[in-house]
PDB file of N, CA and C in Angstrom:
ATOM      1  N   UNK A   1     -38.900 -41.666-103.342  1.00  0.00           N
ATOM      2  CA  UNK A   1     -38.166 -40.652-104.057  1.00  0.00           C
ATOM      3  C   UNK A   1     -36.903 -41.289-104.625  1.00  0.00           C
ATOM      4  N   UNK A   2     -36.630 -40.995-105.882  1.00  0.00           N
ATOM      5  CA  UNK A   2     -35.464 -41.596-106.525  1.00  0.00           C
ATOM      6  C   UNK A   2     -34.219 -40.742-106.304  1.00  0.00           C
ATOM      7  N   UNK A   3     -33.090 -41.416-106.366  1.00  0.00           N
ATOM      8  CA  UNK A   3     -31.801 -40.757-106.219  1.00  0.00           C
ATOM      9  C   UNK A   3     -31.506 -39.913-107.454  1.00  0.00           C
ATOM     10  N   UNK A   4     -30.906 -38.733-107.291  1.00  0.00           N
ATOM     11  CA  UNK A   4     -30.551 -37.942-108.468  1.00  0.00           C
ATOM     12  C   UNK A   4     -29.544 -38.695-109.333  1.00  0.00           C
ATOM     13  N   UNK A   5     -29.721 -38.612-110.620  1.00  0.00           N
ATOM     14  CA  UNK A   5     -28.829 -39.272-111.579  1.00  0.00           C
ATOM     15  C   UNK A   5     -27.487 -38.551-111.600  1.00  0.00           C
ATOM     16  N   UNK A   6     -26.425 -39.298-111.608  1.00  0.00           N
ATOM     17  CA  UNK A   6     -25.090 -38.703-111.695  1.00  0.00           C
ATOM     18  C   UNK A   6     -24.799 -38.386-113.164  1.00  0.00           C
ATOM     19  N   UNK A   7     -24.410 -37.168-113.429  1.00  0.00           N
ATOM     20  CA  UNK A   7     -24.112 -36.734-114.784  1.00  0.00           C
ATOM     21  C   UNK A   7     -22.604 -36.669-114.979  1.00  0.00           C
ATOM     22  N   UNK A   8     -22.133 -37.290-116.033  1.00  0.00           N
ATOM     23  CA  UNK A   8     -20.713 -37.236-116.365  1.00  0.00           C
ATOM     24  C   UNK A   8     -20.574 -36.549-117.715  1.00  0.00           C
ATOM     25  N   UNK A   9     -19.897 -35.425-117.710  1.00  0.00           N
ATOM     26  CA  UNK A   9     -19.645 -34.689-118.949  1.00  0.00           C
ATOM     27  C   UNK A   9     -18.318 -35.180-119.514  1.00  0.00           C
ATOM     28  N   UNK A  10     -18.341 -35.664-120.729  1.00  0.00           N
ATOM     29  CA  UNK A  10     -17.114 -36.169-121.365  1.00  0.00           C
ATOM     30  C   UNK A  10     -16.710 -35.232-122.494  1.00  0.00           C
ATOM     31  N   UNK A  11     -15.426 -34.969-122.568  1.00  0.00           N
ATOM     32  CA  UNK A  11     -14.935 -34.133-123.658  1.00  0.00           C
ATOM     33  C   UNK A  11     -13.542 -34.594-124.071  1.00  0.00           C
ATOM     34  N   UNK A  12     -13.160 -34.187-125.246  1.00  0.00           N
ATOM     35  CA  UNK A  12     -11.836 -34.491-125.777  1.00  0.00           C
ATOM     36  C   UNK A  12     -11.129 -33.175-126.049  1.00  0.00           C
ATOM     37  N   UNK A  13      -9.887 -33.087-125.624  1.00  0.00           N
ATOM     38  CA  UNK A  13      -9.086 -31.895-125.852  1.00  0.00           C
ATOM     39  C   UNK A  13      -7.864 -32.307-126.655  1.00  0.00           C
ATOM     40  N   UNK A  14      -7.643 -31.619-127.758  1.00  0.00           N
ATOM     41  CA  UNK A  14      -6.474 -31.911-128.580  1.00  0.00           C
ATOM     42  C   UNK A  14      -5.396 -30.889-128.268  1.00  0.00           C
ATOM     43  N   UNK A  15      -4.191 -31.387-127.973  1.00  0.00           N
ATOM     44  CA  UNK A  15      -3.080 -30.474-127.712  1.00  0.00           C
ATOM     45  C   UNK A  15      -2.093 -30.563-128.873  1.00  0.00           C
ATOM     46  N   UNK A  16      -1.365 -29.478-129.082  1.00  0.00           N
ATOM     47  CA  UNK A  16      -0.420 -29.409-130.199  1.00  0.00           C
ATOM     48  C   UNK A  16       1.014 -29.248-129.693  1.00  0.00           C
ATOM     49  N   UNK A  17       1.214 -29.591-128.434  1.00  0.00           N
ATOM     50  CA  UNK A  17       2.532 -29.561-127.810  1.00  0.00           C
ATOM     51  C   UNK A  17       2.757 -30.923-127.164  1.00  0.00           C
ATOM     52  N   UNK A  18       3.931 -31.126-126.594  1.00  0.00           N
ATOM     53  CA  UNK A  18       4.225 -32.413-125.952  1.00  0.00           C
ATOM     54  C   UNK A  18       3.332 -32.666-124.743  1.00  0.00           C
ATOM     55  N   UNK A  19       2.964 -31.586-124.045  1.00  0.00           N
ATOM     56  CA  UNK A  19       2.142 -31.720-122.841  1.00  0.00           C
ATOM     57  C   UNK A  19       1.430 -30.405-122.553  1.00  0.00           C
ATOM     58  N   UNK A  20       0.483 -30.467-121.623  1.00  0.00           N
ATOM     59  CA  UNK A  20      -0.176 -29.278-121.090  1.00  0.00           C
ATOM     60  C   UNK A  20      -0.228 -29.466-119.580  1.00  0.00           C
ATOM     61  N   UNK A  21       0.003 -28.406-118.832  1.00  0.00           N
ATOM     62  CA  UNK A  21      -0.057 -28.517-117.374  1.00  0.00           C
ATOM     63  C   UNK A  21      -1.511 -28.694-116.949  1.00  0.00           C
ATOM     64  N   UNK A  22      -1.692 -29.458-115.883  1.00  0.00           N
ATOM     65  CA  UNK A  22      -3.031 -29.828-115.432  1.00  0.00           C
ATOM     66  C   UNK A  22      -3.918 -28.613-115.193  1.00  0.00           C
ATOM     67  N   UNK A  23      -3.415 -27.594-114.499  1.00  0.00           N
ATOM     68  CA  UNK A  23      -4.260 -26.426-114.235  1.00  0.00           C
ATOM     69  C   UNK A  23      -4.646 -25.711-115.528  1.00  0.00           C
ATOM     70  N   UNK A  24      -3.730 -25.670-116.487  1.00  0.00           N
ATOM     71  CA  UNK A  24      -4.038 -25.053-117.784  1.00  0.00           C
ATOM     72  C   UNK A  24      -5.075 -25.865-118.544  1.00  0.00           C
ATOM     73  N   UNK A  25      -4.984 -27.189-118.442  1.00  0.00           N
ATOM     74  CA  UNK A  25      -5.963 -28.054-119.100  1.00  0.00           C
ATOM     75  C   UNK A  25      -7.360 -27.814-118.536  1.00  0.00           C
ATOM     76  N   UNK A  26      -7.462 -27.677-117.222  1.00  0.00           N
ATOM     77  CA  UNK A  26      -8.771 -27.454-116.600  1.00  0.00           C
ATOM     78  C   UNK A  26      -9.389 -26.144-117.079  1.00  0.00           C
ATOM     79  N   UNK A  27      -8.564 -25.115-117.249  1.00  0.00           N
ATOM     80  CA  UNK A  27      -9.062 -23.844-117.785  1.00  0.00           C
ATOM     81  C   UNK A  27      -9.408 -23.981-119.265  1.00  0.00           C
ATOM     82  N   UNK A  28      -8.529 -24.584-120.043  1.00  0.00           N
ATOM     83  CA  UNK A  28      -8.715 -24.740-121.494  1.00  0.00           C
ATOM     84  C   UNK A  28      -9.980 -25.536-121.814  1.00  0.00           C
ATOM     85  N   UNK A  29     -10.267 -26.547-120.999  1.00  0.00           N
ATOM     86  CA  UNK A  29     -11.443 -27.392-121.225  1.00  0.00           C
ATOM     87  C   UNK A  29     -12.725 -26.764-120.679  1.00  0.00           C
ATOM     88  N   UNK A  30     -12.602 -25.621-119.997  1.00  0.00           N
ATOM     89  CA  UNK A  30     -13.782 -24.937-119.478  1.00  0.00           C
ATOM     90  C   UNK A  30     -14.292 -25.482-118.156  1.00  0.00           C
ATOM     91  N   UNK A  31     -13.485 -26.297-117.481  1.00  0.00           N
ATOM     92  CA  UNK A  31     -13.886 -26.838-116.180  1.00  0.00           C
ATOM     93  C   UNK A  31     -13.820 -25.736-115.128  1.00  0.00           C
ATOM     94  N   UNK A  32     -12.784 -24.901-115.205  1.00  0.00           N
ATOM     95  CA  UNK A  32     -12.648 -23.756-114.308  1.00  0.00           C
ATOM     96  C   UNK A  32     -12.470 -22.501-115.151  1.00  0.00           C
ATOM     97  N   UNK A  33     -12.742 -21.357-114.527  1.00  0.00           N
ATOM     98  CA  UNK A  33     -12.590 -20.092-115.244  1.00  0.00           C
ATOM     99  C   UNK A  33     -11.241 -19.441-114.989  1.00  0.00           C
ATOM    100  N   UNK A  34     -10.648 -19.732-113.831  1.00  0.00           N
ATOM    101  CA  UNK A  34      -9.388 -19.084-113.470  1.00  0.00           C
ATOM    102  C   UNK A  34      -8.369 -20.110-112.993  1.00  0.00           C
ATOM    103  N   UNK A  35      -7.121 -19.677-112.965  1.00  0.00           N
ATOM    104  CA  UNK A  35      -6.066 -20.528-112.438  1.00  0.00           C
ATOM    105  C   UNK A  35      -6.259 -20.805-110.960  1.00  0.00           C
ATOM    106  N   UNK A  36      -6.793 -19.829-110.235  1.00  0.00           N
ATOM    107  CA  UNK A  36      -7.060 -20.014-108.807  1.00  0.00           C
ATOM    108  C   UNK A  36      -8.094 -21.100-108.561  1.00  0.00           C
ATOM    109  N   UNK A  37      -9.137 -21.106-109.378  1.00  0.00           N
ATOM    110  CA  UNK A  37     -10.162 -22.154-109.256  1.00  0.00           C
ATOM    111  C   UNK A  37      -9.564 -23.518-109.580  1.00  0.00           C
ATOM    112  N   UNK A  38      -8.721 -23.569-110.605  1.00  0.00           N
ATOM    113  CA  UNK A  38      -8.078 -24.830-110.990  1.00  0.00           C
ATOM    114  C   UNK A  38      -7.197 -25.336-109.852  1.00  0.00           C
ATOM    115  N   UNK A  39      -6.441 -24.439-109.243  1.00  0.00           N
ATOM    116  CA  UNK A  39      -5.565 -24.803-108.124  1.00  0.00           C
ATOM    117  C   UNK A  39      -6.379 -25.381-106.974  1.00  0.00           C
ATOM    118  N   UNK A  40      -7.466 -24.707-106.600  1.00  0.00           N
ATOM    119  CA  UNK A  40      -8.319 -25.186-105.507  1.00  0.00           C
ATOM    120  C   UNK A  40      -8.901 -26.558-105.814  1.00  0.00           C
ATOM    121  N   UNK A  41      -9.352 -26.746-107.042  1.00  0.00           N
ATOM    122  CA  UNK A  41      -9.948 -28.021-107.438  1.00  0.00           C
ATOM    123  C   UNK A  41      -8.924 -29.149-107.330  1.00  0.00           C
ATOM    124  N   UNK A  42      -7.722 -28.911-107.828  1.00  0.00           N
ATOM    125  CA  UNK A  42      -6.671 -29.932-107.779  1.00  0.00           C
ATOM    126  C   UNK A  42      -6.288 -30.226-106.332  1.00  0.00           C
ATOM    127  N   UNK A  43      -6.051 -29.185-105.535  1.00  0.00           N
ATOM    128  CA  UNK A  43      -5.625 -29.384-104.150  1.00  0.00           C
ATOM    129  C   UNK A  43      -6.702 -30.011-103.275  1.00  0.00           C
ATOM    130  N   UNK A  44      -7.955 -29.951-103.712  1.00  0.00           N
ATOM    131  CA  UNK A  44      -9.046 -30.569-102.942  1.00  0.00           C
ATOM    132  C   UNK A  44      -9.090 -32.083-103.134  1.00  0.00           C
ATOM    133  N   UNK A  45      -8.298 -32.598-104.077  1.00  0.00           N
ATOM    134  CA  UNK A  45      -8.286 -34.039-104.328  1.00  0.00           C
ATOM    135  C   UNK A  45      -9.377 -34.503-105.268  1.00  0.00           C
ATOM    136  N   UNK A  46     -10.002 -33.568-105.966  1.00  0.00           N
ATOM    137  CA  UNK A  46     -11.127 -33.904-106.844  1.00  0.00           C
ATOM    138  C   UNK A  46     -10.694 -34.294-108.252  1.00  0.00           C
ATOM    139  N   UNK A  47      -9.390 -34.236-108.533  1.00  0.00           N
ATOM    140  CA  UNK A  47      -8.906 -34.483-109.891  1.00  0.00           C
ATOM    141  C   UNK A  47      -8.005 -35.716-109.906  1.00  0.00           C
ATOM    142  N   UNK A  48      -8.255 -36.587-110.867  1.00  0.00           N
ATOM    143  CA  UNK A  48      -7.369 -37.743-111.038  1.00  0.00           C
ATOM    144  C   UNK A  48      -6.862 -37.777-112.479  1.00  0.00           C
ATOM    145  N   UNK A  49      -5.641 -38.266-112.626  1.00  0.00           N
ATOM    146  CA  UNK A  49      -5.021 -38.421-113.938  1.00  0.00           C
ATOM    147  C   UNK A  49      -4.724 -39.903-114.116  1.00  0.00           C
ATOM    148  N   UNK A  50      -5.315 -40.484-115.138  1.00  0.00           N
ATOM    149  CA  UNK A  50      -5.148 -41.914-115.416  1.00  0.00           C
ATOM    150  C   UNK A  50      -5.483 -42.778-114.197  1.00  0.00           C
ATOM    151  N   UNK A  51      -6.506 -42.362-113.452  1.00  0.00           N
ATOM    152  CA  UNK A  51      -6.991 -43.150-112.327  1.00  0.00           C
ATOM    153  C   UNK A  51      -6.339 -42.857-110.990  1.00  0.00           C
ATOM    154  N   UNK A  52      -5.297 -42.038-110.961  1.00  0.00           N
ATOM    155  CA  UNK A  52      -4.612 -41.697-109.713  1.00  0.00           C
ATOM    156  C   UNK A  52      -4.929 -40.262-109.321  1.00  0.00           C
ATOM    157  N   UNK A  53      -5.353 -40.056-108.058  1.00  0.00           N
ATOM    158  CA  UNK A  53      -5.624 -38.705-107.575  1.00  0.00           C
ATOM    159  C   UNK A  53      -4.347 -37.885-107.719  1.00  0.00           C
ATOM    160  N   UNK A  54      -4.495 -36.682-108.238  1.00  0.00           N
ATOM    161  CA  UNK A  54      -3.343 -35.818-108.477  1.00  0.00           C
ATOM    162  C   UNK A  54      -3.511 -34.517-107.695  1.00  0.00           C
ATOM    163  N   UNK A  55      -2.530 -34.187-106.872  1.00  0.00           N
ATOM    164  CA  UNK A  55      -2.546 -32.948-106.104  1.00  0.00           C
ATOM    165  C   UNK A  55      -1.531 -31.939-106.653  1.00  0.00           C
ATOM    166  N   UNK A  56      -0.995 -32.222-107.824  1.00  0.00           N
ATOM    167  CA  UNK A  56       0.019 -31.398-108.481  1.00  0.00           C
ATOM    168  C   UNK A  56      -0.615 -30.583-109.596  1.00  0.00           C
ATOM    169  N   UNK A  57      -0.834 -29.303-109.381  1.00  0.00           N
ATOM    170  CA  UNK A  57      -1.504 -28.521-110.429  1.00  0.00           C
ATOM    171  C   UNK A  57      -0.629 -28.340-111.655  1.00  0.00           C
ATOM    172  N   UNK A  58       0.690 -28.477-111.506  1.00  0.00           N
ATOM    173  CA  UNK A  58       1.602 -28.337-112.633  1.00  0.00           C
ATOM    174  C   UNK A  58       1.938 -29.660-113.314  1.00  0.00           C
ATOM    175  N   UNK A  59       1.210 -30.715-112.968  1.00  0.00           N
ATOM    176  CA  UNK A  59       1.466 -32.037-113.560  1.00  0.00           C
ATOM    177  C   UNK A  59       1.373 -31.939-115.073  1.00  0.00           C
ATOM    178  N   UNK A  60       2.308 -32.577-115.746  1.00  0.00           N
ATOM    179  CA  UNK A  60       2.311 -32.579-117.208  1.00  0.00           C
ATOM    180  C   UNK A  60       1.352 -33.651-117.704  1.00  0.00           C
ATOM    181  N   UNK A  61       0.333 -33.223-118.427  1.00  0.00           N
ATOM    182  CA  UNK A  61      -0.661 -34.133-118.994  1.00  0.00           C
ATOM    183  C   UNK A  61      -0.351 -34.249-120.483  1.00  0.00           C
ATOM    184  N   UNK A  62      -0.277 -35.476-120.959  1.00  0.00           N
ATOM    185  CA  UNK A  62       0.134 -35.726-122.344  1.00  0.00           C
ATOM    186  C   UNK A  62      -0.982 -36.398-123.138  1.00  0.00           C
ATOM    187  N   UNK A  63      -0.819 -36.424-124.441  1.00  0.00           N
ATOM    188  CA  UNK A  63      -1.777 -37.108-125.312  1.00  0.00           C
ATOM    189  C   UNK A  63      -1.906 -38.555-124.849  1.00  0.00           C
ATOM    190  N   UNK A  64      -3.136 -39.034-124.781  1.00  0.00           N
ATOM    191  CA  UNK A  64      -3.414 -40.389-124.321  1.00  0.00           C
ATOM    192  C   UNK A  64      -3.826 -40.453-122.864  1.00  0.00           C
ATOM    193  N   UNK A  65      -3.607 -39.366-122.113  1.00  0.00           N
ATOM    194  CA  UNK A  65      -4.000 -39.327-120.703  1.00  0.00           C
ATOM    195  C   UNK A  65      -5.489 -39.035-120.570  1.00  0.00           C
ATOM    196  N   UNK A  66      -6.057 -39.502-119.465  1.00  0.00           N
ATOM    197  CA  UNK A  66      -7.451 -39.217-119.140  1.00  0.00           C
ATOM    198  C   UNK A  66      -7.500 -38.527-117.787  1.00  0.00           C
ATOM    199  N   UNK A  67      -8.195 -37.407-117.735  1.00  0.00           N
ATOM    200  CA  UNK A  67      -8.339 -36.631-116.507  1.00  0.00           C
ATOM    201  C   UNK A  67      -9.795 -36.688-116.087  1.00  0.00           C
ATOM    202  N   UNK A  68     -10.038 -37.046-114.822  1.00  0.00           N
ATOM    203  CA  UNK A  68     -11.404 -37.092-114.298  1.00  0.00           C
ATOM    204  C   UNK A  68     -11.527 -36.095-113.159  1.00  0.00           C
ATOM    205  N   UNK A  69     -12.664 -35.416-113.134  1.00  0.00           N
ATOM    206  CA  UNK A  69     -12.945 -34.430-112.106  1.00  0.00           C
ATOM    207  C   UNK A  69     -14.231 -34.827-111.415  1.00  0.00           C
ATOM    208  N   UNK A  70     -14.179 -34.957-110.091  1.00  0.00           N
ATOM    209  CA  UNK A  70     -15.364 -35.277-109.309  1.00  0.00           C
ATOM    210  C   UNK A  70     -15.543 -34.169-108.289  1.00  0.00           C
ATOM    211  N   UNK A  71     -16.490 -33.297-108.554  1.00  0.00           N
ATOM    212  CA  UNK A  71     -16.671 -32.127-107.698  1.00  0.00           C
ATOM    213  C   UNK A  71     -17.403 -32.440-106.404  1.00  0.00           C
ATOM    214  N   UNK A  72     -17.821 -33.685-106.213  1.00  0.00           N
ATOM    215  CA  UNK A  72     -18.521 -34.057-104.991  1.00  0.00           C
ATOM    216  C   UNK A  72     -20.015 -33.833-105.087  1.00  0.00           C
ATOM    217  N   UNK A  73     -20.456 -33.278-106.192  1.00  0.00           N
ATOM    218  CA  UNK A  73     -21.882 -33.077-106.413  1.00  0.00           C
ATOM    219  C   UNK A  73     -22.367 -34.236-107.262  1.00  0.00           C
ATOM    220  N   UNK A  74     -23.507 -34.116-107.870  1.00  0.00           N
ATOM    221  CA  UNK A  74     -24.021 -35.193-108.715  1.00  0.00           C
ATOM    222  C   UNK A  74     -23.537 -35.073-110.147  1.00  0.00           C
ATOM    223  N   UNK A  75     -22.414 -34.419-110.335  1.00  0.00           N
ATOM    224  CA  UNK A  75     -21.857 -34.356-111.681  1.00  0.00           C
ATOM    225  C   UNK A  75     -20.344 -34.476-111.623  1.00  0.00           C
ATOM    226  N   UNK A  76     -19.792 -34.907-112.704  1.00  0.00           N
ATOM    227  CA  UNK A  76     -18.347 -35.014-112.822  1.00  0.00           C
ATOM    228  C   UNK A  76     -17.991 -34.829-114.290  1.00  0.00           C
ATOM    229  N   UNK A  77     -16.710 -34.739-114.551  1.00  0.00           N
ATOM    230  CA  UNK A  77     -16.261 -34.540-115.925  1.00  0.00           C
ATOM    231  C   UNK A  77     -15.091 -35.465-116.209  1.00  0.00           C
ATOM    232  N   UNK A  78     -14.956 -35.799-117.465  1.00  0.00           N
ATOM    233  CA  UNK A  78     -13.848 -36.635-117.916  1.00  0.00           C
ATOM    234  C   UNK A  78     -13.289 -36.003-119.176  1.00  0.00           C
ATOM    235  N   UNK A  79     -11.985 -35.798-119.193  1.00  0.00           N
ATOM    236  CA  UNK A  79     -11.327 -35.188-120.343  1.00  0.00           C
ATOM    237  C   UNK A  79     -10.316 -36.182-120.899  1.00  0.00           C
ATOM    238  N   UNK A  80     -10.446 -36.478-122.171  1.00  0.00           N
ATOM    239  CA  UNK A  80      -9.457 -37.316-122.852  1.00  0.00           C
ATOM    240  C   UNK A  80      -8.556 -36.383-123.643  1.00  0.00           C
ATOM    241  N   UNK A  81      -7.264 -36.496-123.420  1.00  0.00           N
ATOM    242  CA  UNK A  81      -6.305 -35.626-124.091  1.00  0.00           C
ATOM    243  C   UNK A  81      -5.768 -36.348-125.313  1.00  0.00           C
ATOM    244  N   UNK A  82      -5.789 -35.662-126.441  1.00  0.00           N
ATOM    245  CA  UNK A  82      -5.313 -36.254-127.697  1.00  0.00           C
ATOM    246  C   UNK A  82      -4.212 -35.397-128.269  1.00  0.00           C
TER     247      UNK A  82
END
């Protein structure tokens, strides 16, 4: 039996301000539906910004940053902020 393939969903989000808060980005990109879900995801350690695990849901994410989400299942997401 073969191992399930890991799926990585990649997307690009364009912002029109200096920054967007991490929890807002997760909602805006469709990763979570609510702020509560975004908070839980961040606090679980499943989110990294530019390669560093981030536990700050209010972290300012700016153009050029990359956010990765690993839900612990066979899928993950990567968001490039422009």
